[in-house]
């Protein structure tokens, strides 16, 4: 992945660490934005090999907080 696809700015990550309804908040320190299926596969392989949790997030518009990384 390119540097532009790896986000570690806390202010930018904050937008993804809270659910659509603003009642569930996560604590992730890193956000990855893969641009292809090959990049998604590489990220998942890396995380799986290191037993790192992954929380996929699309539009973050679900109503139950399932897209927020709470236990990371």
PDB file of N, CA and C in Angstrom:
ATOM      1  N   UNK A   1       0.844  -1.182   0.000  1.00  0.00           N
ATOM      2  CA  UNK A   1       0.000   0.000   0.000  1.00  0.00           C
ATOM      3  C   UNK A   1       0.884   1.237   0.000  1.00  0.00           C
ATOM      4  N   UNK A   2       0.378   2.288  -0.575  1.00  0.00           N
ATOM      5  CA  UNK A   2       1.115   3.544  -0.624  1.00  0.00           C
ATOM      6  C   UNK A   2       0.843   4.351   0.646  1.00  0.00           C
ATOM      7  N   UNK A   3       1.744   5.273   0.948  1.00  0.00           N
ATOM      8  CA  UNK A   3       1.603   6.097   2.154  1.00  0.00           C
ATOM      9  C   UNK A   3       0.260   6.810   2.215  1.00  0.00           C
ATOM     10  N   UNK A   4      -0.262   7.231   1.066  1.00  0.00           N
ATOM     11  CA  UNK A   4      -1.532   7.973   1.054  1.00  0.00           C
ATOM     12  C   UNK A   4      -2.708   7.110   1.513  1.00  0.00           C
ATOM     13  N   UNK A   5      -2.529   5.797   1.499  1.00  0.00           N
ATOM     14  CA  UNK A   5      -3.596   4.870   1.873  1.00  0.00           C
ATOM     15  C   UNK A   5      -3.491   4.397   3.323  1.00  0.00           C
ATOM     16  N   UNK A   6      -2.493   4.896   4.042  1.00  0.00           N
ATOM     17  CA  UNK A   6      -2.296   4.553   5.450  1.00  0.00           C
ATOM     18  C   UNK A   6      -2.482   5.830   6.260  1.00  0.00           C
ATOM     19  N   UNK A   7      -3.490   5.832   7.115  1.00  0.00           N
ATOM     20  CA  UNK A   7      -3.833   7.032   7.881  1.00  0.00           C
ATOM     21  C   UNK A   7      -3.501   6.800   9.349  1.00  0.00           C
ATOM     22  N   UNK A   8      -2.676   7.694   9.919  1.00  0.00           N
ATOM     23  CA  UNK A   8      -2.382   7.608  11.348  1.00  0.00           C
ATOM     24  C   UNK A   8      -2.665   8.921  12.075  1.00  0.00           C
ATOM     25  N   UNK A   9      -3.285   9.865  11.387  1.00  0.00           N
ATOM     26  CA  UNK A   9      -3.670  11.138  11.995  1.00  0.00           C
ATOM     27  C   UNK A   9      -4.898  10.919  12.889  1.00  0.00           C
ATOM     28  N   UNK A  10      -4.766  11.126  14.207  1.00  0.00           N
ATOM     29  CA  UNK A  10      -5.873  10.865  15.134  1.00  0.00           C
ATOM     30  C   UNK A  10      -7.160  11.605  14.785  1.00  0.00           C
ATOM     31  N   UNK A  11      -7.050  12.807  14.265  1.00  0.00           N
ATOM     32  CA  UNK A  11      -8.251  13.585  13.934  1.00  0.00           C
ATOM     33  C   UNK A  11      -9.006  12.971  12.751  1.00  0.00           C
ATOM     34  N   UNK A  12      -8.273  12.471  11.781  1.00  0.00           N
ATOM     35  CA  UNK A  12      -8.915  11.831  10.629  1.00  0.00           C
ATOM     36  C   UNK A  12      -9.479  10.454  11.000  1.00  0.00           C
ATOM     37  N   UNK A  13      -8.751   9.730  11.836  1.00  0.00           N
ATOM     38  CA  UNK A  13      -9.209   8.411  12.271  1.00  0.00           C
ATOM     39  C   UNK A  13     -10.464   8.530  13.127  1.00  0.00           C
ATOM     40  N   UNK A  14     -10.582   9.605  13.880  1.00  0.00           N
ATOM     41  CA  UNK A  14     -11.743   9.808  14.762  1.00  0.00           C
ATOM     42  C   UNK A  14     -13.067   9.681  14.006  1.00  0.00           C
ATOM     43  N   UNK A  15     -13.099  10.127  12.767  1.00  0.00           N
ATOM     44  CA  UNK A  15     -14.315  10.029  11.957  1.00  0.00           C
ATOM     45  C   UNK A  15     -14.744   8.580  11.739  1.00  0.00           C
ATOM     46  N   UNK A  16     -13.784   7.659  11.787  1.00  0.00           N
ATOM     47  CA  UNK A  16     -14.065   6.242  11.558  1.00  0.00           C
ATOM     48  C   UNK A  16     -14.171   5.459  12.865  1.00  0.00           C
ATOM     49  N   UNK A  17     -13.829   6.105  13.965  1.00  0.00           N
ATOM     50  CA  UNK A  17     -13.861   5.457  15.272  1.00  0.00           C
ATOM     51  C   UNK A  17     -15.154   5.715  16.028  1.00  0.00           C
ATOM     52  N   UNK A  18     -16.145   6.262  15.363  1.00  0.00           N
ATOM     53  CA  UNK A  18     -17.430   6.511  16.009  1.00  0.00           C
ATOM     54  C   UNK A  18     -18.544   6.108  15.048  1.00  0.00           C
ATOM     55  N   UNK A  19     -19.581   5.501  15.591  1.00  0.00           N
ATOM     56  CA  UNK A  19     -20.658   5.012  14.728  1.00  0.00           C
ATOM     57  C   UNK A  19     -21.525   6.158  14.204  1.00  0.00           C
ATOM     58  N   UNK A  20     -22.328   5.824  13.227  1.00  0.00           N
ATOM     59  CA  UNK A  20     -23.215   6.779  12.559  1.00  0.00           C
ATOM     60  C   UNK A  20     -24.115   7.514  13.548  1.00  0.00           C
ATOM     61  N   UNK A  21     -24.585   6.796  14.575  1.00  0.00           N
ATOM     62  CA  UNK A  21     -25.498   7.395  15.551  1.00  0.00           C
ATOM     63  C   UNK A  21     -24.764   8.072  16.704  1.00  0.00           C
ATOM     64  N   UNK A  22     -23.437   8.019  16.695  1.00  0.00           N
ATOM     65  CA  UNK A  22     -22.578   8.686  17.679  1.00  0.00           C
ATOM     66  C   UNK A  22     -22.680   8.099  19.090  1.00  0.00           C
ATOM     67  N   UNK A  23     -23.037   6.818  19.213  1.00  0.00           N
ATOM     68  CA  UNK A  23     -23.126   6.249  20.557  1.00  0.00           C
ATOM     69  C   UNK A  23     -22.103   5.146  20.826  1.00  0.00           C
ATOM     70  N   UNK A  24     -21.399   4.685  19.810  1.00  0.00           N
ATOM     71  CA  UNK A  24     -20.364   3.669  19.991  1.00  0.00           C
ATOM     72  C   UNK A  24     -19.053   4.236  19.482  1.00  0.00           C
ATOM     73  N   UNK A  25     -18.020   4.197  20.336  1.00  0.00           N
ATOM     74  CA  UNK A  25     -16.739   4.782  19.964  1.00  0.00           C
ATOM     75  C   UNK A  25     -15.644   3.728  20.057  1.00  0.00           C
ATOM     76  N   UNK A  26     -14.794   3.693  19.040  1.00  0.00           N
ATOM     77  CA  UNK A  26     -13.670   2.770  19.000  1.00  0.00           C
ATOM     78  C   UNK A  26     -12.377   3.465  19.392  1.00  0.00           C
ATOM     79  N   UNK A  27     -11.265   2.736  19.273  1.00  0.00           N
ATOM     80  CA  UNK A  27      -9.981   3.299  19.697  1.00  0.00           C
ATOM     81  C   UNK A  27      -8.835   2.933  18.752  1.00  0.00           C
ATOM     82  N   UNK A  28      -9.125   2.682  17.498  1.00  0.00           N
ATOM     83  CA  UNK A  28      -8.070   2.329  16.542  1.00  0.00           C
ATOM     84  C   UNK A  28      -7.072   3.462  16.389  1.00  0.00           C
ATOM     85  N   UNK A  29      -5.838   3.069  16.170  1.00  0.00           N
ATOM     86  CA  UNK A  29      -4.757   4.042  15.982  1.00  0.00           C
ATOM     87  C   UNK A  29      -4.315   4.138  14.526  1.00  0.00           C
ATOM     88  N   UNK A  30      -4.862   3.249  13.680  1.00  0.00           N
ATOM     89  CA  UNK A  30      -4.433   3.187  12.287  1.00  0.00           C
ATOM     90  C   UNK A  30      -5.626   2.860  11.401  1.00  0.00           C
ATOM     91  N   UNK A  31      -5.656   3.491  10.242  1.00  0.00           N
ATOM     92  CA  UNK A  31      -6.717   3.260   9.257  1.00  0.00           C
ATOM     93  C   UNK A  31      -6.052   2.935   7.924  1.00  0.00           C
ATOM     94  N   UNK A  32      -6.414   1.811   7.340  1.00  0.00           N
ATOM     95  CA  UNK A  32      -5.881   1.419   6.038  1.00  0.00           C
ATOM     96  C   UNK A  32      -6.979   1.522   5.004  1.00  0.00           C
ATOM     97  N   UNK A  33      -6.642   2.071   3.851  1.00  0.00           N
ATOM     98  CA  UNK A  33      -7.615   2.262   2.767  1.00  0.00           C
ATOM     99  C   UNK A  33      -7.114   1.566   1.506  1.00  0.00           C
ATOM    100  N   UNK A  34      -7.238   0.244   1.445  1.00  0.00           N
ATOM    101  CA  UNK A  34      -6.772  -0.474   0.252  1.00  0.00           C
ATOM    102  C   UNK A  34      -7.591  -0.083  -0.968  1.00  0.00           C
ATOM    103  N   UNK A  35      -6.937  -0.064  -2.124  1.00  0.00           N
ATOM    104  CA  UNK A  35      -7.582   0.376  -3.363  1.00  0.00           C
ATOM    105  C   UNK A  35      -7.845  -0.757  -4.348  1.00  0.00           C
ATOM    106  N   UNK A  36      -7.481  -1.965  -3.968  1.00  0.00           N
ATOM    107  CA  UNK A  36      -7.714  -3.098  -4.874  1.00  0.00           C
ATOM    108  C   UNK A  36      -7.938  -4.365  -4.048  1.00  0.00           C
ATOM    109  N   UNK A  37      -8.461  -5.375  -4.713  1.00  0.00           N
ATOM    110  CA  UNK A  37      -8.652  -6.647  -4.012  1.00  0.00           C
ATOM    111  C   UNK A  37      -7.310  -7.259  -3.620  1.00  0.00           C
ATOM    112  N   UNK A  38      -6.281  -7.013  -4.411  1.00  0.00           N
ATOM    113  CA  UNK A  38      -4.947  -7.523  -4.080  1.00  0.00           C
ATOM    114  C   UNK A  38      -4.430  -6.873  -2.795  1.00  0.00           C
ATOM    115  N   UNK A  39      -4.676  -5.573  -2.629  1.00  0.00           N
ATOM    116  CA  UNK A  39      -4.255  -4.887  -1.404  1.00  0.00           C
ATOM    117  C   UNK A  39      -5.060  -5.371  -0.201  1.00  0.00           C
ATOM    118  N   UNK A  40      -6.354  -5.582  -0.386  1.00  0.00           N
ATOM    119  CA  UNK A  40      -7.182  -6.121   0.707  1.00  0.00           C
ATOM    120  C   UNK A  40      -6.638  -7.482   1.127  1.00  0.00           C
ATOM    121  N   UNK A  41      -6.349  -8.326   0.165  1.00  0.00           N
ATOM    122  CA  UNK A  41      -5.819  -9.656   0.444  1.00  0.00           C
ATOM    123  C   UNK A  41      -4.493  -9.582   1.198  1.00  0.00           C
ATOM    124  N   UNK A  42      -3.606  -8.692   0.776  1.00  0.00           N
ATOM    125  CA  UNK A  42      -2.301  -8.549   1.429  1.00  0.00           C
ATOM    126  C   UNK A  42      -2.455  -8.065   2.874  1.00  0.00           C
ATOM    127  N   UNK A  43      -3.351  -7.114   3.095  1.00  0.00           N
ATOM    128  CA  UNK A  43      -3.592  -6.601   4.450  1.00  0.00           C
ATOM    129  C   UNK A  43      -4.140  -7.712   5.341  1.00  0.00           C
ATOM    130  N   UNK A  44      -5.127  -8.447   4.846  1.00  0.00           N
ATOM    131  CA  UNK A  44      -5.722  -9.517   5.646  1.00  0.00           C
ATOM    132  C   UNK A  44      -4.718 -10.630   5.941  1.00  0.00           C
ATOM    133  N   UNK A  45      -3.877 -10.952   4.979  1.00  0.00           N
ATOM    134  CA  UNK A  45      -2.847 -11.972   5.198  1.00  0.00           C
ATOM    135  C   UNK A  45      -1.862 -11.509   6.265  1.00  0.00           C
ATOM    136  N   UNK A  46      -1.414 -10.258   6.167  1.00  0.00           N
ATOM    137  CA  UNK A  46      -0.488  -9.689   7.148  1.00  0.00           C
ATOM    138  C   UNK A  46      -1.098  -9.745   8.550  1.00  0.00           C
ATOM    139  N   UNK A  47      -2.330  -9.275   8.677  1.00  0.00           N
ATOM    140  CA  UNK A  47      -2.993  -9.228   9.984  1.00  0.00           C
ATOM    141  C   UNK A  47      -3.253 -10.630  10.528  1.00  0.00           C
ATOM    142  N   UNK A  48      -3.663 -11.538   9.674  1.00  0.00           N
ATOM    143  CA  UNK A  48      -3.916 -12.910  10.110  1.00  0.00           C
ATOM    144  C   UNK A  48      -2.641 -13.568  10.631  1.00  0.00           C
ATOM    145  N   UNK A  49      -1.538 -13.379   9.933  1.00  0.00           N
ATOM    146  CA  UNK A  49      -0.265 -13.974  10.350  1.00  0.00           C
ATOM    147  C   UNK A  49       0.206 -13.443  11.697  1.00  0.00           C
ATOM    148  N   UNK A  50      -0.232 -12.247  12.062  1.00  0.00           N
ATOM    149  CA  UNK A  50       0.176 -11.622  13.324  1.00  0.00           C
ATOM    150  C   UNK A  50      -0.952 -11.589  14.358  1.00  0.00           C
ATOM    151  N   UNK A  51      -2.065 -12.243  14.015  1.00  0.00           N
ATOM    152  CA  UNK A  51      -3.235 -12.310  14.891  1.00  0.00           C
ATOM    153  C   UNK A  51      -3.727 -10.916  15.287  1.00  0.00           C
ATOM    154  N   UNK A  52      -3.760 -10.019  14.315  1.00  0.00           N
ATOM    155  CA  UNK A  52      -4.253  -8.656  14.521  1.00  0.00           C
ATOM    156  C   UNK A  52      -5.724  -8.587  14.136  1.00  0.00           C
ATOM    157  N   UNK A  53      -6.500  -7.890  14.938  1.00  0.00           N
ATOM    158  CA  UNK A  53      -7.926  -7.734  14.652  1.00  0.00           C
ATOM    159  C   UNK A  53      -8.128  -6.810  13.459  1.00  0.00           C
ATOM    160  N   UNK A  54      -9.150  -7.121  12.671  1.00  0.00           N
ATOM    161  CA  UNK A  54      -9.515  -6.304  11.512  1.00  0.00           C
ATOM    162  C   UNK A  54     -11.008  -6.016  11.592  1.00  0.00           C
ATOM    163  N   UNK A  55     -11.370  -4.758  11.405  1.00  0.00           N
ATOM    164  CA  UNK A  55     -12.787  -4.380  11.366  1.00  0.00           C
ATOM    165  C   UNK A  55     -13.037  -3.689  10.035  1.00  0.00           C
ATOM    166  N   UNK A  56     -13.637  -4.397   9.061  1.00  0.00           N
ATOM    167  CA  UNK A  56     -13.945  -3.768   7.778  1.00  0.00           C
ATOM    168  C   UNK A  56     -15.017  -2.702   7.969  1.00  0.00           C
ATOM    169  N   UNK A  57     -14.875  -1.624   7.238  1.00  0.00           N
ATOM    170  CA  UNK A  57     -15.850  -0.540   7.356  1.00  0.00           C
ATOM    171  C   UNK A  57     -16.161   0.000   5.972  1.00  0.00           C
ATOM    172  N   UNK A  58     -17.438   0.056   5.654  1.00  0.00           N
ATOM    173  CA  UNK A  58     -17.871   0.617   4.376  1.00  0.00           C
ATOM    174  C   UNK A  58     -18.274   2.064   4.573  1.00  0.00           C
ATOM    175  N   UNK A  59     -19.565   2.326   4.520  1.00  0.00           N
ATOM    176  CA  UNK A  59     -20.066   3.689   4.660  1.00  0.00           C
ATOM    177  C   UNK A  59     -20.285   4.131   6.091  1.00  0.00           C
ATOM    178  N   UNK A  60     -20.114   3.205   7.057  1.00  0.00           N
ATOM    179  CA  UNK A  60     -20.314   3.503   8.477  1.00  0.00           C
ATOM    180  C   UNK A  60     -21.721   4.030   8.745  1.00  0.00           C
ATOM    181  N   UNK A  61     -22.699   3.466   8.045  1.00  0.00           N
ATOM    182  CA  UNK A  61     -24.076   3.933   8.217  1.00  0.00           C
ATOM    183  C   UNK A  61     -24.970   2.906   8.905  1.00  0.00           C
ATOM    184  N   UNK A  62     -24.382   1.827   9.411  1.00  0.00           N
ATOM    185  CA  UNK A  62     -25.175   0.839  10.141  1.00  0.00           C
ATOM    186  C   UNK A  62     -25.713   1.440  11.435  1.00  0.00           C
ATOM    187  N   UNK A  63     -26.760   0.858  11.960  1.00  0.00           N
ATOM    188  CA  UNK A  63     -27.415   1.422  13.139  1.00  0.00           C
ATOM    189  C   UNK A  63     -27.077   0.690  14.432  1.00  0.00           C
ATOM    190  N   UNK A  64     -26.189  -0.291  14.396  1.00  0.00           N
ATOM    191  CA  UNK A  64     -25.893  -1.052  15.600  1.00  0.00           C
ATOM    192  C   UNK A  64     -24.425  -0.966  16.041  1.00  0.00           C
ATOM    193  N   UNK A  65     -23.611  -0.156  15.395  1.00  0.00           N
ATOM    194  CA  UNK A  65     -22.220   0.020  15.807  1.00  0.00           C
ATOM    195  C   UNK A  65     -21.287  -1.104  15.406  1.00  0.00           C
ATOM    196  N   UNK A  66     -21.715  -2.001  14.524  1.00  0.00           N
ATOM    197  CA  UNK A  66     -20.891  -3.140  14.137  1.00  0.00           C
ATOM    198  C   UNK A  66     -19.667  -2.796  13.318  1.00  0.00           C
ATOM    199  N   UNK A  67     -19.603  -1.602  12.774  1.00  0.00           N
ATOM    200  CA  UNK A  67     -18.452  -1.225  11.950  1.00  0.00           C
ATOM    201  C   UNK A  67     -17.413  -0.436  12.740  1.00  0.00           C
ATOM    202  N   UNK A  68     -17.618  -0.311  14.044  1.00  0.00           N
ATOM    203  CA  UNK A  68     -16.686   0.452  14.876  1.00  0.00           C
ATOM    204  C   UNK A  68     -15.775  -0.520  15.623  1.00  0.00           C
ATOM    205  N   UNK A  69     -14.450  -0.332  15.518  1.00  0.00           N
ATOM    206  CA  UNK A  69     -13.492  -1.228  16.164  1.00  0.00           C
ATOM    207  C   UNK A  69     -13.398  -0.964  17.664  1.00  0.00           C
ATOM    208  N   UNK A  70     -14.229  -1.631  18.450  1.00  0.00           N
ATOM    209  CA  UNK A  70     -14.291  -1.369  19.886  1.00  0.00           C
ATOM    210  C   UNK A  70     -13.231  -2.140  20.658  1.00  0.00           C
ATOM    211  N   UNK A  71     -12.999  -3.396  20.326  1.00  0.00           N
ATOM    212  CA  UNK A  71     -12.066  -4.230  21.082  1.00  0.00           C
ATOM    213  C   UNK A  71     -10.797  -4.482  20.285  1.00  0.00           C
ATOM    214  N   UNK A  72     -10.105  -3.436  19.897  1.00  0.00           N
ATOM    215  CA  UNK A  72      -8.902  -3.607  19.084  1.00  0.00           C
ATOM    216  C   UNK A  72      -7.652  -3.499  19.898  1.00  0.00           C
TER     217      UNK A  72
END
